[in-house]
Amino acid sequence: MTIIKQADLIDSIADALQYISYYHPLDFIQAMDQAYQREQNPAARDAIAQILINSRMCALGHRPICQDTGIVTVFLRVGMNVQWEADMSVTDMCNEGIRRAYQNPDNVLRASILADPDGARKNTGDNTPGVIHYEIVPGDTVEVHVAAKGGGSEAKSKFAMLNPSDSVVDWVLEMVPKMGAGWCPPGMLGIGIGGTAEKAMVLAKEALLEPIDIQELKARGAATRAEELRLELFDRINRLGIGAQGLGGLTTVMDVKVLDYPSHAANKAVAIIPNCAATRHTHFELDGSGPAQLEPPGLEDWPEVTRETGDNVRRVNLDSVTREEVKTWKPGDTLLLSGKMLTGRDAAHKKMVDLIASGEELPVDLDGRFIYYVGPVDPIGDEVVGPAGPTTATRMDKFTRTMLEKTGLLGMIGKAERGPAAIDAIRDFESVYLMAVGGAAYLVAQAIKGAEVIAFPELGMEAIYEFELEDMPVTVAVDHTGESVHQTGPKIWAEKISQQVVKFDY
């Protein structure tokens, strides 16, 4: 009989969540470096470089890889010979560990969890509760997997109840382009097949906890149908040419994981859940000897990457930029932004649109300004702002026409592609949309030299800030004519791959 103390589980979960907030799994870093070395699209290569540079900075500085520090998922395999020395339930212990991790003053993590999700949507303030799964197994230890899953990648999850004769491969290849770039590729896909609807989704999430080993699988060959699917999907998804951040390129997925489970004869449940460029998970085991000890990786395991500045890089002063200057920008151009920029995401946009509809004055003048879709992490020490990477821009699409028409807003900055409604509005009002790299939040924050909340402070991380910038890197994603690099880039690179114009050595 093993006795597990309450404090040991709480402390271990808190430590694990801090650990994964700033340390990528090493297998992920190695695979990302291989993708960087292989990539031939300069825009995608630069995006991967930013992710790698950001990762090394976070490992050094012990600050979050991404401003979206995730919803916590915990998988516990509890041995049947374990006895708990505790006055809390195991669920409550897990949530106390989450609470302590996210409120750690040495590395504050963003609280993103909202209670009453279809009503008041009130932030719980400490990122609890987590999503907790249990399995009771033979043995005398408690095995724990801890993951923190960003909302942008989780939002791209897909599920279908296929007919037994339907092709899983065909369905996945149909879904992946529809997922867009909001899940921050390159990353991993977890695929669950079989069981019931909820079982397939849990399998897909569990699959993402496995190490990246697709090259080892290729070398030894598939032994099961699940492994055959992994190899086929890995090749065919990368041939789509979606590439890093959806800009077009050679690497969209670094691995595909498949778990299956026996199914009813009439059903074939299939789920896809992607892991993003801020992949965060770790594993530990409690055996009664105390809390888990997670060894920090060696910084020599991180590649030292420098960004390569091309001829199309322009420096832009946001305090003096004009509409005429914006019209000279082309999709794929790299800009370095300096000057004053506003921020605002879902809640702030809804408030502003509601004020416009009621004829009330906005608390901030948006005419000729740029707005950044971000919810930053709180600063610590001498930081002016914590990690501040972009959020998924398509969530703001329904507000875009009103914002451009009624406020004179000139430009928007966010993550991934824009949808048809937003692109139409950008074209009609000769605006522009710029893309910052998802998964490079700490790197982006280094360009922010000043930060002040200027409207809606009650919204917390969703308040409107004014940032003072110095050389914040962005890519022109939609120009004033409505041309989108997220539409043209993948088409160009899929064609290059199919015509063997580029070396595709997967």
Protein backbone atom coordinates (compact mmCIF):
# COMPACT_ATOMS: atom_id res chain seq x y z
CA MET A 1 0.00 0.00 0.00
CA THR A 2 1.41 3.38 -1.08
CA ILE A 3 0.36 6.53 0.78
CA ILE A 4 0.19 9.67 -1.37
CA LYS A 5 0.03 12.92 0.55
CA GLN A 6 -2.29 15.70 -0.49
CA ALA A 7 0.51 18.27 -0.58
CA ASP A 8 2.60 16.09 -2.88
CA LEU A 9 -0.04 16.01 -5.63
CA ILE A 10 -0.83 19.72 -5.25
CA ASP A 11 2.83 20.77 -5.33
CA SER A 12 3.64 18.44 -8.23
CA ILE A 13 0.84 19.78 -10.42
CA ALA A 14 1.72 23.40 -9.57
CA ASP A 15 5.40 22.78 -10.39
CA ALA A 16 4.54 20.92 -13.59
CA LEU A 17 2.36 23.76 -14.87
CA GLN A 18 5.06 26.32 -14.20
CA TYR A 19 7.59 24.03 -15.89
CA ILE A 20 5.58 23.58 -19.09
CA SER A 21 4.74 27.28 -19.27
CA TYR A 22 8.34 28.04 -20.26
CA TYR A 23 9.89 24.71 -21.38
CA HIS A 24 8.82 23.17 -24.65
CA PRO A 25 9.18 19.37 -24.77
CA LEU A 26 12.62 18.68 -26.26
CA ASP A 27 11.24 16.35 -28.93
CA PHE A 28 9.08 19.25 -30.12
CA ILE A 29 12.04 21.64 -30.28
CA GLN A 30 14.11 19.11 -32.21
CA ALA A 31 11.29 18.55 -34.70
CA MET A 32 10.76 22.30 -35.08
CA ASP A 33 14.47 22.78 -35.75
CA GLN A 34 14.32 20.08 -38.42
CA ALA A 35 11.36 21.90 -39.99
CA TYR A 36 13.34 25.15 -39.92
CA GLN A 37 16.32 23.54 -41.64
CA ARG A 38 14.06 22.00 -44.29
CA GLU A 39 11.81 25.01 -45.00
CA GLN A 40 12.22 26.77 -48.37
CA ASN A 41 9.52 29.46 -48.10
CA PRO A 42 11.25 32.53 -46.57
CA ALA A 43 8.07 33.73 -44.82
CA ALA A 44 7.40 30.33 -43.23
CA ARG A 45 11.07 29.93 -42.34
CA ASP A 46 11.02 33.28 -40.56
CA ALA A 47 7.88 32.28 -38.65
CA ILE A 48 9.58 29.07 -37.46
CA ALA A 49 12.68 31.07 -36.53
CA GLN A 50 10.57 33.36 -34.34
CA ILE A 51 9.03 30.33 -32.61
CA LEU A 52 12.47 28.83 -31.92
CA ILE A 53 13.94 32.13 -30.73
CA ASN A 54 10.91 32.69 -28.49
CA SER A 55 11.23 29.18 -27.05
CA ARG A 56 14.87 29.68 -26.09
CA MET A 57 14.11 33.08 -24.55
CA CYS A 58 11.33 31.57 -22.45
CA ALA A 59 13.56 28.72 -21.28
CA LEU A 60 16.17 31.28 -20.22
CA GLY A 61 13.78 33.81 -18.70
CA HIS A 62 11.20 31.41 -17.20
CA ARG A 63 8.31 33.28 -18.80
CA PRO A 64 5.34 31.88 -20.77
CA ILE A 65 5.88 30.57 -24.30
CA CYS A 66 2.47 31.97 -25.25
CA GLN A 67 0.24 34.63 -23.72
CA ASP A 68 -2.57 32.05 -23.84
CA THR A 69 -1.35 29.90 -20.99
CA GLY A 70 -4.12 27.45 -21.67
CA ILE A 71 -6.90 25.45 -20.13
CA VAL A 72 -5.40 22.70 -18.00
CA THR A 73 -6.07 19.04 -18.71
CA VAL A 74 -4.91 16.38 -16.27
CA PHE A 75 -4.88 12.64 -16.94
CA LEU A 76 -4.41 10.48 -13.82
CA ARG A 77 -3.78 6.73 -13.72
CA VAL A 78 -4.36 5.87 -10.07
CA GLY A 79 -3.01 2.58 -8.76
CA MET A 80 -5.51 0.39 -6.94
CA ASN A 81 -3.07 -0.01 -4.04
CA VAL A 82 -2.80 3.73 -3.44
CA GLN A 83 -4.20 5.33 -0.29
CA TRP A 84 -4.59 9.09 -0.01
CA GLU A 85 -3.54 11.05 3.07
CA ALA A 86 -5.83 13.97 2.32
CA ASP A 87 -8.93 15.89 3.32
CA MET A 88 -9.62 17.13 -0.22
CA SER A 89 -10.95 15.20 -3.19
CA VAL A 90 -8.42 14.36 -5.92
CA THR A 91 -10.23 16.81 -8.23
CA ASP A 92 -9.94 19.54 -5.62
CA MET A 93 -6.24 18.75 -5.16
CA CYS A 94 -5.67 19.09 -8.90
CA ASN A 95 -7.49 22.41 -8.99
CA GLU A 96 -5.53 23.70 -6.01
CA GLY A 97 -2.33 22.86 -7.90
CA ILE A 98 -3.63 24.76 -10.92
CA ARG A 99 -4.59 27.73 -8.74
CA ARG A 100 -1.13 27.94 -7.16
CA ALA A 101 0.64 27.59 -10.51
CA TYR A 102 -1.31 30.35 -12.22
CA GLN A 103 -0.99 32.74 -9.30
CA ASN A 104 2.75 32.20 -8.78
CA PRO A 105 4.14 35.75 -8.41
CA ASP A 106 7.50 34.75 -9.93
CA ASN A 107 5.85 33.80 -13.23
CA VAL A 108 2.27 34.98 -13.43
CA LEU A 109 0.19 32.91 -15.86
CA ARG A 110 -2.86 34.33 -17.59
CA ALA A 111 -6.24 33.34 -16.18
CA SER A 112 -8.42 32.47 -19.19
CA ILE A 113 -11.21 30.32 -17.74
CA LEU A 114 -14.73 31.77 -17.71
CA ALA A 115 -17.61 30.43 -15.63
CA ASP A 116 -21.17 30.53 -17.01
CA PRO A 117 -19.79 30.11 -20.56
CA ASP A 118 -23.08 30.93 -22.32
CA GLY A 119 -24.11 33.64 -19.88
CA ALA A 120 -22.09 36.09 -17.81
CA ARG A 121 -18.75 34.55 -18.88
CA LYS A 122 -17.11 35.68 -15.66
CA ASN A 123 -13.39 34.96 -15.30
CA THR A 124 -12.73 32.60 -12.40
CA GLY A 125 -9.54 34.51 -11.69
CA ASP A 126 -7.19 31.58 -11.14
CA ASN A 127 -7.64 29.44 -14.28
CA THR A 128 -9.64 26.79 -12.45
CA PRO A 129 -11.30 24.43 -12.90
CA GLY A 130 -9.20 22.13 -15.03
CA VAL A 131 -10.49 19.21 -17.10
CA ILE A 132 -9.56 16.07 -15.22
CA HIS A 133 -9.68 12.44 -16.41
CA TYR A 134 -9.18 9.35 -14.24
CA GLU A 135 -8.32 5.73 -14.82
CA ILE A 136 -8.07 3.25 -11.96
CA VAL A 137 -5.37 0.69 -12.74
CA PRO A 138 -3.41 -2.08 -10.99
CA GLY A 139 -0.36 -0.81 -9.12
CA ASP A 140 0.84 1.33 -6.25
CA THR A 141 1.70 4.66 -7.93
CA VAL A 142 -0.15 7.63 -9.40
CA GLU A 143 0.88 8.47 -12.95
CA VAL A 144 0.01 12.02 -14.03
CA HIS A 145 0.06 13.75 -17.41
CA VAL A 146 -0.43 17.52 -17.27
CA ALA A 147 -1.13 19.67 -20.33
CA ALA A 148 -2.06 23.31 -20.92
CA LYS A 149 -4.05 23.74 -24.13
CA GLY A 150 -4.43 27.09 -25.86
CA GLY A 151 -7.88 28.23 -26.96
CA GLY A 152 -6.84 28.92 -30.56
CA SER A 153 -5.80 25.35 -31.25
CA GLU A 154 -8.60 23.83 -29.20
CA ALA A 155 -11.10 25.85 -31.26
CA LYS A 156 -9.99 23.99 -34.38
CA SER A 157 -10.96 20.56 -33.01
CA LYS A 158 -13.15 18.51 -35.35
CA PHE A 159 -15.47 15.55 -34.84
CA ALA A 160 -17.55 13.38 -37.14
CA MET A 161 -19.55 10.19 -36.85
CA LEU A 162 -18.55 8.60 -40.13
CA ASN A 163 -20.25 5.66 -41.78
CA PRO A 164 -18.28 2.44 -41.29
CA SER A 165 -17.27 2.42 -44.97
CA ASP A 166 -16.10 6.06 -45.02
CA SER A 167 -12.42 6.91 -45.34
CA VAL A 168 -10.76 8.45 -42.29
CA VAL A 169 -7.95 9.76 -44.51
CA ASP A 170 -10.37 11.53 -46.87
CA TRP A 171 -12.21 13.15 -43.95
CA VAL A 172 -9.01 14.36 -42.28
CA LEU A 173 -7.69 15.79 -45.56
CA GLU A 174 -11.00 17.62 -46.00
CA MET A 175 -10.92 19.02 -42.45
CA VAL A 176 -7.31 20.21 -42.18
CA PRO A 177 -7.62 23.04 -44.77
CA LYS A 178 -10.87 24.11 -43.10
CA MET A 179 -9.02 24.46 -39.79
CA GLY A 180 -7.12 27.41 -41.25
CA ALA A 181 -4.01 28.61 -39.44
CA GLY A 182 -5.59 29.58 -36.13
CA TRP A 183 -4.10 26.47 -34.51
CA CYS A 184 -0.59 27.88 -35.18
CA PRO A 185 1.02 25.25 -37.39
CA PRO A 186 3.46 23.60 -37.55
CA GLY A 187 2.29 21.37 -34.76
CA MET A 188 0.85 17.93 -34.12
CA LEU A 189 -2.51 16.37 -34.86
CA GLY A 190 -4.07 13.96 -32.39
CA ILE A 191 -6.64 11.66 -33.97
CA GLY A 192 -9.03 9.44 -32.05
CA ILE A 193 -10.99 6.72 -33.81
CA GLY A 194 -13.74 4.50 -32.44
CA GLY A 195 -15.60 4.10 -29.21
CA THR A 196 -18.33 6.70 -28.78
CA ALA A 197 -18.33 10.42 -29.55
CA GLU A 198 -16.81 11.43 -26.22
CA LYS A 199 -14.31 8.54 -26.25
CA ALA A 200 -12.96 9.54 -29.66
CA MET A 201 -12.37 13.10 -28.44
CA VAL A 202 -10.55 11.93 -25.32
CA LEU A 203 -8.40 9.59 -27.43
CA ALA A 204 -7.43 12.48 -29.70
CA LYS A 205 -6.41 14.58 -26.70
CA GLU A 206 -4.46 11.72 -25.12
CA ALA A 207 -2.64 11.06 -28.40
CA LEU A 208 -1.07 14.52 -28.18
CA LEU A 209 0.78 13.51 -25.01
CA GLU A 210 2.94 11.04 -26.94
CA PRO A 211 6.45 12.00 -28.12
CA ILE A 212 7.20 13.03 -31.70
CA ASP A 213 8.63 9.92 -33.36
CA ILE A 214 7.33 9.91 -36.94
CA GLN A 215 10.82 9.58 -38.40
CA GLU A 216 11.51 6.52 -36.27
CA LEU A 217 8.18 5.05 -37.43
CA LYS A 218 9.11 5.70 -41.06
CA ALA A 219 12.44 3.95 -40.54
CA ARG A 220 10.96 0.78 -39.02
CA GLY A 221 7.65 0.69 -40.90
CA ALA A 222 4.05 0.43 -39.75
CA ALA A 223 2.96 -2.57 -37.70
CA THR A 224 -0.71 -1.61 -37.15
CA ARG A 225 -3.51 0.14 -39.01
CA ALA A 226 -3.10 3.17 -36.70
CA GLU A 227 0.56 3.42 -37.68
CA GLU A 228 -0.32 3.11 -41.37
CA LEU A 229 -2.70 6.04 -40.94
CA ARG A 230 -0.01 8.09 -39.21
CA LEU A 231 2.43 7.68 -42.08
CA GLU A 232 -0.12 8.32 -44.82
CA LEU A 233 -1.60 11.38 -43.14
CA PHE A 234 1.78 12.86 -42.25
CA ASP A 235 2.83 12.77 -45.90
CA ARG A 236 -0.45 13.87 -47.44
CA ILE A 237 -1.14 16.72 -44.98
CA ASN A 238 2.31 18.19 -45.56
CA ARG A 239 1.74 17.96 -49.31
CA LEU A 240 -1.17 20.40 -48.86
CA GLY A 241 1.45 23.17 -48.63
CA ILE A 242 -0.29 25.01 -45.76
CA GLY A 243 3.00 25.55 -43.96
CA ALA A 244 4.01 27.48 -40.86
CA GLN A 245 1.30 29.91 -39.72
CA GLY A 246 -0.62 29.09 -42.94
CA LEU A 247 1.84 31.10 -45.06
CA GLY A 248 2.60 28.22 -47.41
CA GLY A 249 5.51 25.85 -47.03
CA LEU A 250 6.79 22.34 -46.51
CA THR A 251 5.86 21.61 -42.88
CA THR A 252 2.29 21.79 -41.63
CA VAL A 253 2.46 18.88 -39.19
CA MET A 254 5.52 17.54 -37.40
CA ASP A 255 3.72 14.35 -36.40
CA VAL A 256 0.30 12.75 -36.55
CA LYS A 257 -0.78 10.61 -33.61
CA VAL A 258 -3.58 8.03 -33.84
CA LEU A 259 -5.27 6.15 -31.00
CA ASP A 260 -8.21 3.85 -31.60
CA TYR A 261 -10.78 1.93 -29.57
CA PRO A 262 -13.35 -0.77 -30.42
CA SER A 263 -16.51 0.69 -31.91
CA HIS A 264 -20.17 -0.21 -32.41
CA ALA A 265 -20.71 -1.92 -35.77
CA ALA A 266 -22.87 0.97 -37.01
CA ASN A 267 -20.42 3.74 -36.10
CA LYS A 268 -16.99 5.13 -36.87
CA ALA A 269 -16.39 8.07 -34.53
CA VAL A 270 -13.41 10.20 -35.56
CA ALA A 271 -11.94 13.23 -33.78
CA ILE A 272 -9.08 15.61 -34.61
CA ILE A 273 -7.45 17.83 -32.00
CA PRO A 274 -4.39 19.88 -32.99
CA ASN A 275 -1.49 20.92 -30.78
CA CYS A 276 -0.03 24.31 -31.64
CA ALA A 277 3.41 25.89 -31.70
CA ALA A 278 3.01 26.37 -27.93
CA THR A 279 2.78 22.64 -27.22
CA ARG A 280 2.92 22.23 -23.42
CA HIS A 281 2.77 18.94 -21.53
CA THR A 282 4.76 16.82 -19.13
CA HIS A 283 4.50 13.58 -17.17
CA PHE A 284 5.40 12.52 -13.64
CA GLU A 285 4.75 9.69 -11.23
CA LEU A 286 4.08 9.79 -7.48
CA ASP A 287 5.24 6.78 -5.44
CA GLY A 288 4.80 8.08 -1.91
CA SER A 289 8.35 9.41 -1.56
CA GLY A 290 7.37 13.07 -2.01
CA PRO A 291 6.47 15.51 -4.77
CA ALA A 292 7.70 14.95 -8.33
CA GLN A 293 11.09 16.36 -9.31
CA LEU A 294 11.15 17.70 -12.86
CA GLU A 295 14.66 18.10 -14.22
CA PRO A 296 15.21 21.27 -16.23
CA PRO A 297 16.49 20.60 -19.75
CA GLY A 298 19.89 21.86 -20.82
CA LEU A 299 19.87 25.08 -22.83
CA GLU A 300 22.38 23.50 -25.18
CA ASP A 301 19.45 21.43 -26.48
CA TRP A 302 17.88 24.56 -27.98
CA PRO A 303 19.17 25.58 -31.42
CA GLU A 304 20.58 29.09 -31.63
CA VAL A 305 18.65 30.68 -34.46
CA THR A 306 18.88 34.20 -35.82
CA ARG A 307 16.25 35.78 -38.05
CA GLU A 308 17.29 36.46 -41.62
CA THR A 309 16.17 39.92 -42.72
CA GLY A 310 15.27 40.02 -46.41
CA ASP A 311 15.00 42.86 -48.89
CA ASN A 312 11.25 43.23 -48.35
CA VAL A 313 11.53 44.40 -44.72
CA ARG A 314 10.12 47.87 -44.07
CA ARG A 315 10.17 49.97 -40.93
CA VAL A 316 6.84 51.60 -40.19
CA ASN A 317 6.09 54.47 -37.79
CA LEU A 318 2.52 53.97 -36.62
CA ASP A 319 2.37 57.55 -35.37
CA SER A 320 2.71 58.96 -38.88
CA VAL A 321 1.70 56.15 -41.26
CA THR A 322 -0.79 57.20 -43.95
CA ARG A 323 -3.38 55.39 -46.02
CA GLU A 324 -1.28 56.07 -49.10
CA GLU A 325 1.70 54.33 -47.49
CA VAL A 326 -0.46 51.35 -46.50
CA LYS A 327 -1.48 50.93 -50.16
CA THR A 328 2.16 50.21 -51.08
CA TRP A 329 2.34 47.15 -48.83
CA LYS A 330 2.09 43.74 -50.51
CA PRO A 331 1.05 40.35 -49.07
CA GLY A 332 4.09 38.62 -47.61
CA ASP A 333 5.99 41.84 -46.88
CA THR A 334 7.69 41.95 -43.49
CA LEU A 335 7.16 45.11 -41.44
CA LEU A 336 8.81 46.31 -38.25
CA LEU A 337 6.30 48.44 -36.36
CA SER A 338 7.24 51.30 -34.05
CA GLY A 339 5.12 53.95 -32.35
CA LYS A 340 1.78 53.75 -30.58
CA MET A 341 -0.63 50.86 -31.16
CA LEU A 342 -3.97 50.05 -29.54
CA THR A 343 -5.10 46.61 -28.41
CA GLY A 344 -8.52 45.01 -28.27
CA ARG A 345 -10.03 41.57 -28.68
CA ASP A 346 -13.46 39.89 -28.38
CA ALA A 347 -14.94 41.58 -25.32
CA ALA A 348 -13.59 45.05 -26.18
CA HIS A 349 -14.86 44.79 -29.75
CA LYS A 350 -18.33 43.83 -28.57
CA LYS A 351 -18.41 46.78 -26.18
CA MET A 352 -17.30 49.18 -28.91
CA VAL A 353 -19.80 47.87 -31.46
CA ASP A 354 -22.60 48.10 -28.86
CA LEU A 355 -21.61 51.73 -28.10
CA ILE A 356 -21.61 52.55 -31.81
CA ALA A 357 -25.07 50.96 -32.23
CA SER A 358 -26.47 53.04 -29.38
CA GLY A 359 -24.95 56.26 -30.72
CA GLU A 360 -22.56 56.70 -27.80
CA GLU A 361 -19.01 57.98 -28.05
CA LEU A 362 -16.15 55.49 -27.90
CA PRO A 363 -13.63 55.86 -25.07
CA VAL A 364 -10.76 55.93 -27.57
CA ASP A 365 -10.26 57.53 -31.00
CA LEU A 366 -9.51 54.81 -33.58
CA ASP A 367 -9.22 57.04 -36.65
CA GLY A 368 -6.05 56.18 -38.56
CA ARG A 369 -4.94 53.78 -35.82
CA PHE A 370 -3.88 50.12 -35.72
CA ILE A 371 -5.42 47.67 -33.27
CA TYR A 372 -3.72 44.48 -32.06
CA TYR A 373 -5.83 41.47 -31.12
CA VAL A 374 -4.13 40.44 -27.87
CA GLY A 375 -4.77 39.59 -24.24
CA PRO A 376 -1.34 39.90 -22.59
CA VAL A 377 0.05 38.17 -19.54
CA ASP A 378 0.49 40.44 -16.51
CA PRO A 379 4.02 41.84 -16.17
CA ILE A 380 6.46 40.89 -13.43
CA GLY A 381 9.58 42.69 -12.20
CA ASP A 382 10.61 45.47 -14.56
CA GLU A 383 8.51 44.24 -17.50
CA VAL A 384 6.10 46.76 -19.00
CA VAL A 385 3.92 43.87 -20.19
CA GLY A 386 4.12 40.10 -20.06
CA PRO A 387 4.13 37.80 -23.10
CA ALA A 388 1.81 39.34 -25.66
CA GLY A 389 1.33 37.21 -28.75
CA PRO A 390 -1.65 37.54 -31.10
CA THR A 391 -5.02 35.87 -30.72
CA THR A 392 -7.02 34.30 -33.55
CA ALA A 393 -8.21 37.10 -35.83
CA THR A 394 -11.28 35.38 -37.30
CA ARG A 395 -13.12 35.84 -34.00
CA MET A 396 -13.14 39.57 -34.74
CA ASP A 397 -14.43 39.15 -38.32
CA LYS A 398 -18.05 39.88 -37.42
CA PHE A 399 -17.03 43.24 -35.95
CA THR A 400 -14.67 44.29 -38.74
CA ARG A 401 -16.99 46.07 -41.15
CA THR A 402 -18.55 48.18 -38.40
CA MET A 403 -15.15 49.05 -36.96
CA LEU A 404 -13.70 50.11 -40.31
CA GLU A 405 -16.78 52.00 -41.44
CA LYS A 406 -17.67 53.81 -38.20
CA THR A 407 -14.30 54.52 -36.58
CA GLY A 408 -11.77 55.13 -39.37
CA LEU A 409 -9.59 52.27 -38.11
CA LEU A 410 -6.71 51.83 -40.55
CA GLY A 411 -5.21 48.44 -39.72
CA MET A 412 -5.57 45.30 -37.65
CA ILE A 413 -2.98 42.83 -36.32
CA GLY A 414 -3.71 39.29 -35.23
CA LYS A 415 -3.01 35.61 -35.73
CA ALA A 416 -3.74 33.51 -38.82
CA GLU A 417 -6.15 34.19 -41.67
CA ARG A 418 -9.22 36.40 -42.05
CA GLY A 419 -12.56 35.11 -43.31
CA PRO A 420 -14.45 36.32 -46.41
CA ALA A 421 -16.54 38.93 -44.56
CA ALA A 422 -13.46 40.59 -43.04
CA ILE A 423 -11.54 40.47 -46.32
CA ASP A 424 -14.43 42.12 -48.14
CA ALA A 425 -14.53 44.89 -45.53
CA ILE A 426 -10.75 45.38 -45.72
CA ARG A 427 -11.00 45.76 -49.50
CA ASP A 428 -14.02 48.07 -49.36
CA PHE A 429 -12.38 50.44 -46.85
CA GLU A 430 -8.81 50.02 -48.19
CA SER A 431 -7.58 48.89 -44.80
CA VAL A 432 -4.92 46.26 -44.06
CA TYR A 433 -4.50 43.18 -41.91
CA LEU A 434 -1.10 42.23 -40.52
CA MET A 435 -0.16 38.88 -39.02
CA ALA A 436 2.04 38.35 -35.97
CA VAL A 437 3.43 34.87 -35.28
CA GLY A 438 1.41 32.73 -32.91
CA GLY A 439 3.76 30.97 -30.50
CA ALA A 440 6.25 33.85 -30.23
CA ALA A 441 4.60 35.82 -27.42
CA TYR A 442 7.68 36.55 -25.29
CA LEU A 443 9.65 37.62 -28.36
CA VAL A 444 6.86 40.00 -29.38
CA ALA A 445 6.74 41.43 -25.85
CA GLN A 446 10.37 42.56 -26.17
CA ALA A 447 9.23 45.06 -28.80
CA ILE A 448 6.72 46.62 -26.38
CA LYS A 449 8.44 49.46 -24.53
CA GLY A 450 5.40 50.96 -22.84
CA ALA A 451 1.89 49.77 -21.95
CA GLU A 452 -1.09 51.62 -20.48
CA VAL A 453 -4.71 50.57 -20.03
CA ILE A 454 -6.81 53.32 -21.61
CA ALA A 455 -10.31 51.82 -21.78
CA PHE A 456 -12.49 49.07 -20.29
CA PRO A 457 -10.19 48.19 -17.35
CA GLU A 458 -12.93 45.94 -15.98
CA LEU A 459 -12.17 43.49 -18.79
CA GLY A 460 -8.81 42.53 -17.29
CA MET A 461 -6.53 41.06 -19.95
CA GLU A 462 -9.17 42.00 -22.57
CA ALA A 463 -9.00 45.72 -21.72
CA ILE A 464 -7.86 48.21 -24.37
CA TYR A 465 -4.19 49.05 -23.94
CA GLU A 466 -1.97 51.50 -25.73
CA PHE A 467 1.40 49.94 -26.47
CA GLU A 468 4.55 51.86 -27.36
CA LEU A 469 6.44 49.72 -29.88
CA GLU A 470 9.96 49.44 -31.20
CA ASP A 471 10.41 47.12 -34.20
CA MET A 472 7.58 44.63 -33.66
CA PRO A 473 7.78 42.07 -36.51
CA VAL A 474 4.63 41.41 -38.56
CA THR A 475 3.75 40.12 -42.03
CA VAL A 476 1.27 41.75 -44.42
CA ALA A 477 -1.46 39.11 -44.59
CA VAL A 478 -4.32 40.97 -46.36
CA ASP A 479 -3.50 44.07 -48.39
CA HIS A 480 -5.80 46.98 -49.22
CA THR A 481 -7.12 45.18 -52.33
CA GLY A 482 -8.21 42.14 -50.30
CA GLU A 483 -5.45 39.82 -51.49
CA SER A 484 -4.70 37.32 -48.71
CA VAL A 485 -1.36 35.54 -48.29
CA HIS A 486 -3.24 32.76 -46.49
CA GLN A 487 -5.11 32.04 -49.71
CA THR A 488 -2.27 32.47 -52.20
CA GLY A 489 0.62 31.02 -50.15
CA PRO A 490 -0.69 27.47 -49.60
CA LYS A 491 -1.85 27.22 -53.23
CA ILE A 492 1.58 28.21 -54.52
CA TRP A 493 3.41 25.78 -52.27
CA ALA A 494 1.01 22.88 -52.85
CA GLU A 495 1.62 23.35 -56.57
CA LYS A 496 5.40 23.50 -56.06
CA ILE A 497 5.29 20.28 -54.06
CA SER A 498 3.05 18.47 -56.56
CA GLN A 499 5.19 19.59 -59.51
CA GLN A 500 8.40 18.69 -57.64
CA VAL A 501 9.64 22.26 -58.03
CA VAL A 502 10.93 22.09 -54.45
CA LYS A 503 12.68 19.30 -52.61
CA PHE A 504 10.07 17.53 -50.53
CA ASP A 505 12.10 15.05 -48.53
CA TYR A 506 9.61 13.65 -46.06
